[in-house]
Amino acid sequence: KDYLGGKGANIAEMTNLGIPVPPGFTISAKVCDAFYKNNNSYPEGLKDEVENNLKRLEELTGRKLGDSEDPLLVSVRSGAAISMPGMMDTVLNIGLNDEIVEALGKEFNNPRFAWDSYRRLIMMFGDVVLGLGKEGFDEIFDKKKEQKHVSRDVDLAVADLKNIVSKFKKYIRSKKEEFPQHPQEQLVMAIQAVFDSSNNK
């Protein structure tokens, strides 16, 4: 746990027991220490290590990050040796962009699932990575539900989710910068943000 964090150690243990878990890789807690000693930036060699392990992950899944035919989506999750609820952050659905969301919807014959996943990515990225908080996104989302006279998220149609995604991106642009369309850029930024989140209140 001291080396892999709680989640990483538990996933390794389940893998050793032969329990089927989704493929992934763990960046050790020692790298987080190196991150802070390197003025809160990637320590030497980390980018290459991530790229090498990502290639292995792509081979295992038969999918590729940024591919519009067989897209790989990844999550960056934190896991300290000791559980610290509310401190460390997570970013899900990394790898989606304006093109890949359409491909994902067609692949699973479920555009609503794809657009809702994209909506969640943009909201988490804006909050965790860009530091905008959740309030602005919640306001946009709740306003759309009010306009459509629905109380449940699942009652929003694909067109509604597309509209929300567009408004989320416009909101990010007005506050910070463009939401990155390049999946590799999303991944690099998310890893750095999750390291940073060790200092959350």
C-alpha atoms as a PDB file:
ATOM      1  CA  LYS A   1       0.000   0.000   0.000  1.00  0.00           C
ATOM      2  CA  ASP A   2       2.844   2.399   0.760  1.00  0.00           C
ATOM      3  CA  TYR A   3       4.166   1.890  -2.767  1.00  0.00           C
ATOM      4  CA  LEU A   4       0.995   1.417  -4.849  1.00  0.00           C
ATOM      5  CA  GLY A   5      -1.621   3.152  -2.716  1.00  0.00           C
ATOM      6  CA  GLY A   6      -4.757   1.440  -1.465  1.00  0.00           C
ATOM      7  CA  LYS A   7      -6.543   1.031  -4.810  1.00  0.00           C
ATOM      8  CA  GLY A   8      -3.397  -0.008  -6.680  1.00  0.00           C
ATOM      9  CA  ALA A   9      -2.461  -2.597  -4.045  1.00  0.00           C
ATOM     10  CA  ASN A  10      -5.976  -4.060  -3.966  1.00  0.00           C
ATOM     11  CA  ILE A  11      -6.157  -4.293  -7.762  1.00  0.00           C
ATOM     12  CA  ALA A  12      -2.743  -6.008  -7.819  1.00  0.00           C
ATOM     13  CA  GLU A  13      -3.947  -8.479  -5.173  1.00  0.00           C
ATOM     14  CA  MET A  14      -7.128  -9.259  -7.116  1.00  0.00           C
ATOM     15  CA  THR A  15      -5.091  -9.749 -10.290  1.00  0.00           C
ATOM     16  CA  ASN A  16      -2.743 -12.160  -8.482  1.00  0.00           C
ATOM     17  CA  LEU A  17      -5.797 -14.118  -7.284  1.00  0.00           C
ATOM     18  CA  GLY A  18      -6.982 -14.506 -10.882  1.00  0.00           C
ATOM     19  CA  ILE A  19     -10.020 -12.263 -10.460  1.00  0.00           C
ATOM     20  CA  PRO A  20     -10.821 -10.562 -13.785  1.00  0.00           C
ATOM     21  CA  VAL A  21     -10.168  -6.832 -13.432  1.00  0.00           C
ATOM     22  CA  PRO A  22      -9.965  -4.253 -16.233  1.00  0.00           C
ATOM     23  CA  PRO A  23      -6.400  -3.766 -17.503  1.00  0.00           C
ATOM     24  CA  GLY A  24      -4.553  -0.749 -16.165  1.00  0.00           C
ATOM     25  CA  PHE A  25      -1.324   0.396 -14.578  1.00  0.00           C
ATOM     26  CA  THR A  26      -0.388   2.110 -11.337  1.00  0.00           C
ATOM     27  CA  ILE A  27       1.908   5.098 -10.934  1.00  0.00           C
ATOM     28  CA  SER A  28       3.614   4.566  -7.598  1.00  0.00           C
ATOM     29  CA  ALA A  29       3.313   6.859  -4.609  1.00  0.00           C
ATOM     30  CA  LYS A  30       7.070   7.487  -4.898  1.00  0.00           C
ATOM     31  CA  VAL A  31       6.394   9.291  -8.177  1.00  0.00           C
ATOM     32  CA  CYS A  32       4.012  11.608  -6.335  1.00  0.00           C
ATOM     33  CA  ASP A  33       6.865  12.467  -3.931  1.00  0.00           C
ATOM     34  CA  ALA A  34       9.139  13.099  -6.922  1.00  0.00           C
ATOM     35  CA  PHE A  35       6.421  15.300  -8.457  1.00  0.00           C
ATOM     36  CA  TYR A  36       6.426  17.608  -5.425  1.00  0.00           C
ATOM     37  CA  LYS A  37      10.230  17.663  -5.263  1.00  0.00           C
ATOM     38  CA  ASN A  38      10.217  18.669  -8.956  1.00  0.00           C
ATOM     39  CA  ASN A  39       8.231  21.902  -8.388  1.00  0.00           C
ATOM     40  CA  ASN A  40       4.859  20.238  -9.002  1.00  0.00           C
ATOM     41  CA  SER A  41       5.747  19.011 -12.483  1.00  0.00           C
ATOM     42  CA  TYR A  42       6.403  15.656 -14.122  1.00  0.00           C
ATOM     43  CA  PRO A  43       9.632  14.109 -12.821  1.00  0.00           C
ATOM     44  CA  GLU A  44      12.163  12.893 -15.379  1.00  0.00           C
ATOM     45  CA  GLY A  45      11.108   9.700 -17.143  1.00  0.00           C
ATOM     46  CA  LEU A  46       7.444   9.739 -16.119  1.00  0.00           C
ATOM     47  CA  LYS A  47       6.118  10.770 -19.533  1.00  0.00           C
ATOM     48  CA  ASP A  48       8.002   7.912 -21.242  1.00  0.00           C
ATOM     49  CA  GLU A  49       6.842   5.416 -18.604  1.00  0.00           C
ATOM     50  CA  VAL A  50       3.213   6.473 -19.044  1.00  0.00           C
ATOM     51  CA  GLU A  51       3.502   6.222 -22.847  1.00  0.00           C
ATOM     52  CA  ASN A  52       5.065   2.735 -22.636  1.00  0.00           C
ATOM     53  CA  ASN A  53       2.415   1.459 -20.237  1.00  0.00           C
ATOM     54  CA  LEU A  54      -0.343   3.039 -22.315  1.00  0.00           C
ATOM     55  CA  LYS A  55       0.915   1.113 -25.378  1.00  0.00           C
ATOM     56  CA  ARG A  56       0.770  -2.099 -23.335  1.00  0.00           C
ATOM     57  CA  LEU A  57      -2.757  -1.218 -22.211  1.00  0.00           C
ATOM     58  CA  GLU A  58      -3.761  -0.622 -25.843  1.00  0.00           C
ATOM     59  CA  GLU A  59      -2.362  -4.025 -26.835  1.00  0.00           C
ATOM     60  CA  LEU A  60      -4.235  -5.760 -24.000  1.00  0.00           C
ATOM     61  CA  THR A  61      -7.571  -4.128 -24.845  1.00  0.00           C
ATOM     62  CA  GLY A  62      -7.280  -4.010 -28.629  1.00  0.00           C
ATOM     63  CA  ARG A  63      -8.213  -0.325 -28.407  1.00  0.00           C
ATOM     64  CA  LYS A  64      -6.209   2.865 -28.827  1.00  0.00           C
ATOM     65  CA  LEU A  65      -6.422   6.183 -27.004  1.00  0.00           C
ATOM     66  CA  GLY A  66      -7.562   8.765 -29.548  1.00  0.00           C
ATOM     67  CA  ASP A  67      -8.678   6.199 -32.158  1.00  0.00           C
ATOM     68  CA  SER A  68     -12.018   6.991 -33.774  1.00  0.00           C
ATOM     69  CA  GLU A  69     -12.738   3.342 -34.691  1.00  0.00           C
ATOM     70  CA  ASP A  70     -11.840   1.473 -31.477  1.00  0.00           C
ATOM     71  CA  PRO A  71     -11.394   4.194 -28.869  1.00  0.00           C
ATOM     72  CA  LEU A  72      -9.816   3.437 -25.516  1.00  0.00           C
ATOM     73  CA  LEU A  73     -11.157   5.452 -22.599  1.00  0.00           C
ATOM     74  CA  VAL A  74      -9.161   5.603 -19.382  1.00  0.00           C
ATOM     75  CA  SER A  75      -9.639   6.944 -15.889  1.00  0.00           C
ATOM     76  CA  VAL A  76      -7.057   8.572 -13.658  1.00  0.00           C
ATOM     77  CA  ARG A  77      -7.807   7.621 -10.078  1.00  0.00           C
ATOM     78  CA  SER A  78      -5.977   8.451  -6.884  1.00  0.00           C
ATOM     79  CA  GLY A  79      -5.177   6.051  -4.077  1.00  0.00           C
ATOM     80  CA  ALA A  80      -3.173   6.883  -0.987  1.00  0.00           C
ATOM     81  CA  ALA A  81      -1.801   4.314   1.439  1.00  0.00           C
ATOM     82  CA  ILE A  82      -4.362   5.540   3.973  1.00  0.00           C
ATOM     83  CA  SER A  83      -7.869   6.429   2.803  1.00  0.00           C
ATOM     84  CA  MET A  84      -8.491  10.170   2.857  1.00  0.00           C
ATOM     85  CA  PRO A  85     -12.123  10.765   1.790  1.00  0.00           C
ATOM     86  CA  GLY A  86     -12.663  14.011  -0.055  1.00  0.00           C
ATOM     87  CA  MET A  87      -8.980  14.726  -0.520  1.00  0.00           C
ATOM     88  CA  MET A  88      -7.814  13.111  -3.734  1.00  0.00           C
ATOM     89  CA  ASP A  89      -9.577  13.408  -7.078  1.00  0.00           C
ATOM     90  CA  THR A  90     -10.596  11.221 -10.009  1.00  0.00           C
ATOM     91  CA  VAL A  91     -11.128  11.955 -13.713  1.00  0.00           C
ATOM     92  CA  LEU A  92     -13.198   9.445 -15.725  1.00  0.00           C
ATOM     93  CA  ASN A  93     -13.764   8.886 -19.469  1.00  0.00           C
ATOM     94  CA  ILE A  94     -10.458  10.412 -20.632  1.00  0.00           C
ATOM     95  CA  GLY A  95     -10.115   9.980 -24.384  1.00  0.00           C
ATOM     96  CA  LEU A  96     -13.479  11.357 -25.485  1.00  0.00           C
ATOM     97  CA  ASN A  97     -13.656  14.335 -27.819  1.00  0.00           C
ATOM     98  CA  ASP A  98     -16.080  15.763 -30.389  1.00  0.00           C
ATOM     99  CA  GLU A  99     -15.213  13.058 -32.942  1.00  0.00           C
ATOM    100  CA  ILE A 100     -14.784  10.031 -30.678  1.00  0.00           C
ATOM    101  CA  VAL A 101     -18.077  10.588 -28.841  1.00  0.00           C
ATOM    102  CA  GLU A 102     -19.895  10.028 -32.149  1.00  0.00           C
ATOM    103  CA  ALA A 103     -17.903   6.838 -32.843  1.00  0.00           C
ATOM    104  CA  LEU A 104     -18.596   5.506 -29.334  1.00  0.00           C
ATOM    105  CA  GLY A 105     -22.335   6.113 -29.735  1.00  0.00           C
ATOM    106  CA  LYS A 106     -22.370   4.182 -33.017  1.00  0.00           C
ATOM    107  CA  GLU A 107     -20.228   1.318 -31.684  1.00  0.00           C
ATOM    108  CA  PHE A 108     -22.594   0.616 -28.788  1.00  0.00           C
ATOM    109  CA  ASN A 109     -25.700   1.758 -30.687  1.00  0.00           C
ATOM    110  CA  ASN A 110     -26.311   4.069 -27.739  1.00  0.00           C
ATOM    111  CA  PRO A 111     -25.590   7.739 -28.443  1.00  0.00           C
ATOM    112  CA  ARG A 112     -27.119   8.776 -25.113  1.00  0.00           C
ATOM    113  CA  PHE A 113     -24.541   6.712 -23.201  1.00  0.00           C
ATOM    114  CA  ALA A 114     -21.721   8.263 -25.260  1.00  0.00           C
ATOM    115  CA  TRP A 115     -22.873  11.865 -24.841  1.00  0.00           C
ATOM    116  CA  ASP A 116     -23.556  11.434 -21.130  1.00  0.00           C
ATOM    117  CA  SER A 117     -20.041  10.010 -20.727  1.00  0.00           C
ATOM    118  CA  TYR A 118     -18.623  13.009 -22.586  1.00  0.00           C
ATOM    119  CA  ARG A 119     -20.665  15.383 -20.439  1.00  0.00           C
ATOM    120  CA  ARG A 120     -19.229  13.759 -17.312  1.00  0.00           C
ATOM    121  CA  LEU A 121     -15.651  13.981 -18.606  1.00  0.00           C
ATOM    122  CA  ILE A 122     -15.918  17.686 -19.400  1.00  0.00           C
ATOM    123  CA  MET A 123     -17.479  18.424 -16.009  1.00  0.00           C
ATOM    124  CA  MET A 124     -14.815  16.460 -14.086  1.00  0.00           C
ATOM    125  CA  PHE A 125     -12.006  17.890 -16.198  1.00  0.00           C
ATOM    126  CA  GLY A 126     -13.254  21.439 -15.647  1.00  0.00           C
ATOM    127  CA  ASP A 127     -13.530  20.834 -11.913  1.00  0.00           C
ATOM    128  CA  VAL A 128     -10.456  18.704 -11.114  1.00  0.00           C
ATOM    129  CA  VAL A 129      -7.970  19.656 -13.834  1.00  0.00           C
ATOM    130  CA  LEU A 130      -8.839  23.267 -14.579  1.00  0.00           C
ATOM    131  CA  GLY A 131      -9.907  24.135 -11.037  1.00  0.00           C
ATOM    132  CA  LEU A 132     -13.257  25.674 -11.943  1.00  0.00           C
ATOM    133  CA  GLY A 133     -15.275  23.833  -9.289  1.00  0.00           C
ATOM    134  CA  LYS A 134     -18.604  22.101  -9.873  1.00  0.00           C
ATOM    135  CA  GLU A 135     -21.043  24.957  -9.294  1.00  0.00           C
ATOM    136  CA  GLY A 136     -21.014  26.458 -12.817  1.00  0.00           C
ATOM    137  CA  PHE A 137     -21.503  23.047 -14.418  1.00  0.00           C
ATOM    138  CA  ASP A 138     -24.259  22.083 -11.984  1.00  0.00           C
ATOM    139  CA  GLU A 139     -26.050  25.330 -12.773  1.00  0.00           C
ATOM    140  CA  ILE A 140     -25.999  24.649 -16.531  1.00  0.00           C
ATOM    141  CA  PHE A 141     -27.125  21.050 -16.023  1.00  0.00           C
ATOM    142  CA  ASP A 142     -29.930  21.909 -13.579  1.00  0.00           C
ATOM    143  CA  LYS A 143     -31.174  24.713 -15.819  1.00  0.00           C
ATOM    144  CA  LYS A 144     -31.525  22.282 -18.722  1.00  0.00           C
ATOM    145  CA  LYS A 145     -33.534  19.889 -16.544  1.00  0.00           C
ATOM    146  CA  GLU A 146     -35.804  22.755 -15.525  1.00  0.00           C
ATOM    147  CA  GLN A 147     -36.288  23.767 -19.162  1.00  0.00           C
ATOM    148  CA  LYS A 148     -37.224  20.198 -20.096  1.00  0.00           C
ATOM    149  CA  HIS A 149     -39.449  19.806 -16.980  1.00  0.00           C
ATOM    150  CA  VAL A 150     -37.616  16.677 -15.784  1.00  0.00           C
ATOM    151  CA  SER A 151     -36.191  15.841 -12.385  1.00  0.00           C
ATOM    152  CA  ARG A 152     -33.967  12.867 -13.291  1.00  0.00           C
ATOM    153  CA  ASP A 153     -30.733  13.027 -15.286  1.00  0.00           C
ATOM    154  CA  VAL A 154     -31.762   9.965 -17.318  1.00  0.00           C
ATOM    155  CA  ASP A 155     -34.816  11.791 -18.666  1.00  0.00           C
ATOM    156  CA  LEU A 156     -32.649  14.148 -20.717  1.00  0.00           C
ATOM    157  CA  ALA A 157     -32.504  13.219 -24.408  1.00  0.00           C
ATOM    158  CA  VAL A 158     -29.414  13.005 -26.637  1.00  0.00           C
ATOM    159  CA  ALA A 159     -30.112  16.480 -28.051  1.00  0.00           C
ATOM    160  CA  ASP A 160     -30.234  17.870 -24.505  1.00  0.00           C
ATOM    161  CA  LEU A 161     -26.881  16.278 -23.619  1.00  0.00           C
ATOM    162  CA  LYS A 162     -25.303  17.634 -26.816  1.00  0.00           C
ATOM    163  CA  ASN A 163     -26.542  21.090 -25.869  1.00  0.00           C
ATOM    164  CA  ILE A 164     -25.153  20.706 -22.324  1.00  0.00           C
ATOM    165  CA  VAL A 165     -21.755  19.600 -23.692  1.00  0.00           C
ATOM    166  CA  SER A 166     -21.683  22.661 -25.938  1.00  0.00           C
ATOM    167  CA  LYS A 167     -22.523  24.949 -23.007  1.00  0.00           C
ATOM    168  CA  PHE A 168     -19.949  23.237 -20.760  1.00  0.00           C
ATOM    169  CA  LYS A 169     -17.215  23.840 -23.343  1.00  0.00           C
ATOM    170  CA  LYS A 170     -18.315  27.457 -23.794  1.00  0.00           C
ATOM    171  CA  TYR A 171     -18.247  27.923 -20.008  1.00  0.00           C
ATOM    172  CA  ILE A 172     -14.698  26.495 -19.785  1.00  0.00           C
ATOM    173  CA  ARG A 173     -13.584  28.729 -22.663  1.00  0.00           C
ATOM    174  CA  SER A 174     -14.980  31.809 -20.935  1.00  0.00           C
ATOM    175  CA  LYS A 175     -13.208  31.019 -17.654  1.00  0.00           C
ATOM    176  CA  LYS A 176      -9.959  29.372 -18.611  1.00  0.00           C
ATOM    177  CA  GLU A 177      -9.095  27.864 -22.004  1.00  0.00           C
ATOM    178  CA  GLU A 178     -10.445  25.487 -24.639  1.00  0.00           C
ATOM    179  CA  PHE A 179     -11.338  21.988 -23.442  1.00  0.00           C
ATOM    180  CA  PRO A 180      -8.503  19.866 -24.935  1.00  0.00           C
ATOM    181  CA  GLN A 181      -9.622  17.691 -27.840  1.00  0.00           C
ATOM    182  CA  HIS A 182      -6.383  15.679 -27.898  1.00  0.00           C
ATOM    183  CA  PRO A 183      -6.789  12.577 -25.653  1.00  0.00           C
ATOM    184  CA  GLN A 184      -3.063  12.377 -24.839  1.00  0.00           C
ATOM    185  CA  GLU A 185      -3.148  15.981 -23.628  1.00  0.00           C
ATOM    186  CA  GLN A 186      -6.190  15.168 -21.479  1.00  0.00           C
ATOM    187  CA  LEU A 187      -4.284  12.266 -19.906  1.00  0.00           C
ATOM    188  CA  VAL A 188      -1.112  14.241 -19.122  1.00  0.00           C
ATOM    189  CA  MET A 189      -3.116  17.085 -17.579  1.00  0.00           C
ATOM    190  CA  ALA A 190      -5.312  14.707 -15.559  1.00  0.00           C
ATOM    191  CA  ILE A 191      -2.332  12.849 -14.053  1.00  0.00           C
ATOM    192  CA  GLN A 192      -0.775  16.152 -13.003  1.00  0.00           C
ATOM    193  CA  ALA A 193      -4.081  17.337 -11.511  1.00  0.00           C
ATOM    194  CA  VAL A 194      -4.545  14.152  -9.498  1.00  0.00           C
ATOM    195  CA  PHE A 195      -1.035  14.544  -8.096  1.00  0.00           C
ATOM    196  CA  ASP A 196      -1.951  18.124  -7.181  1.00  0.00           C
ATOM    197  CA  SER A 197      -5.126  16.934  -5.453  1.00  0.00           C
ATOM    198  CA  SER A 198      -3.045  15.376  -2.663  1.00  0.00           C
ATOM    199  CA  ASN A 199      -3.091  18.887  -1.220  1.00  0.00           C
ATOM    200  CA  ASN A 200      -6.890  19.245  -1.268  1.00  0.00           C
ATOM    201  CA  LYS A 201      -8.523  20.341   1.970  1.00  0.00           C
END
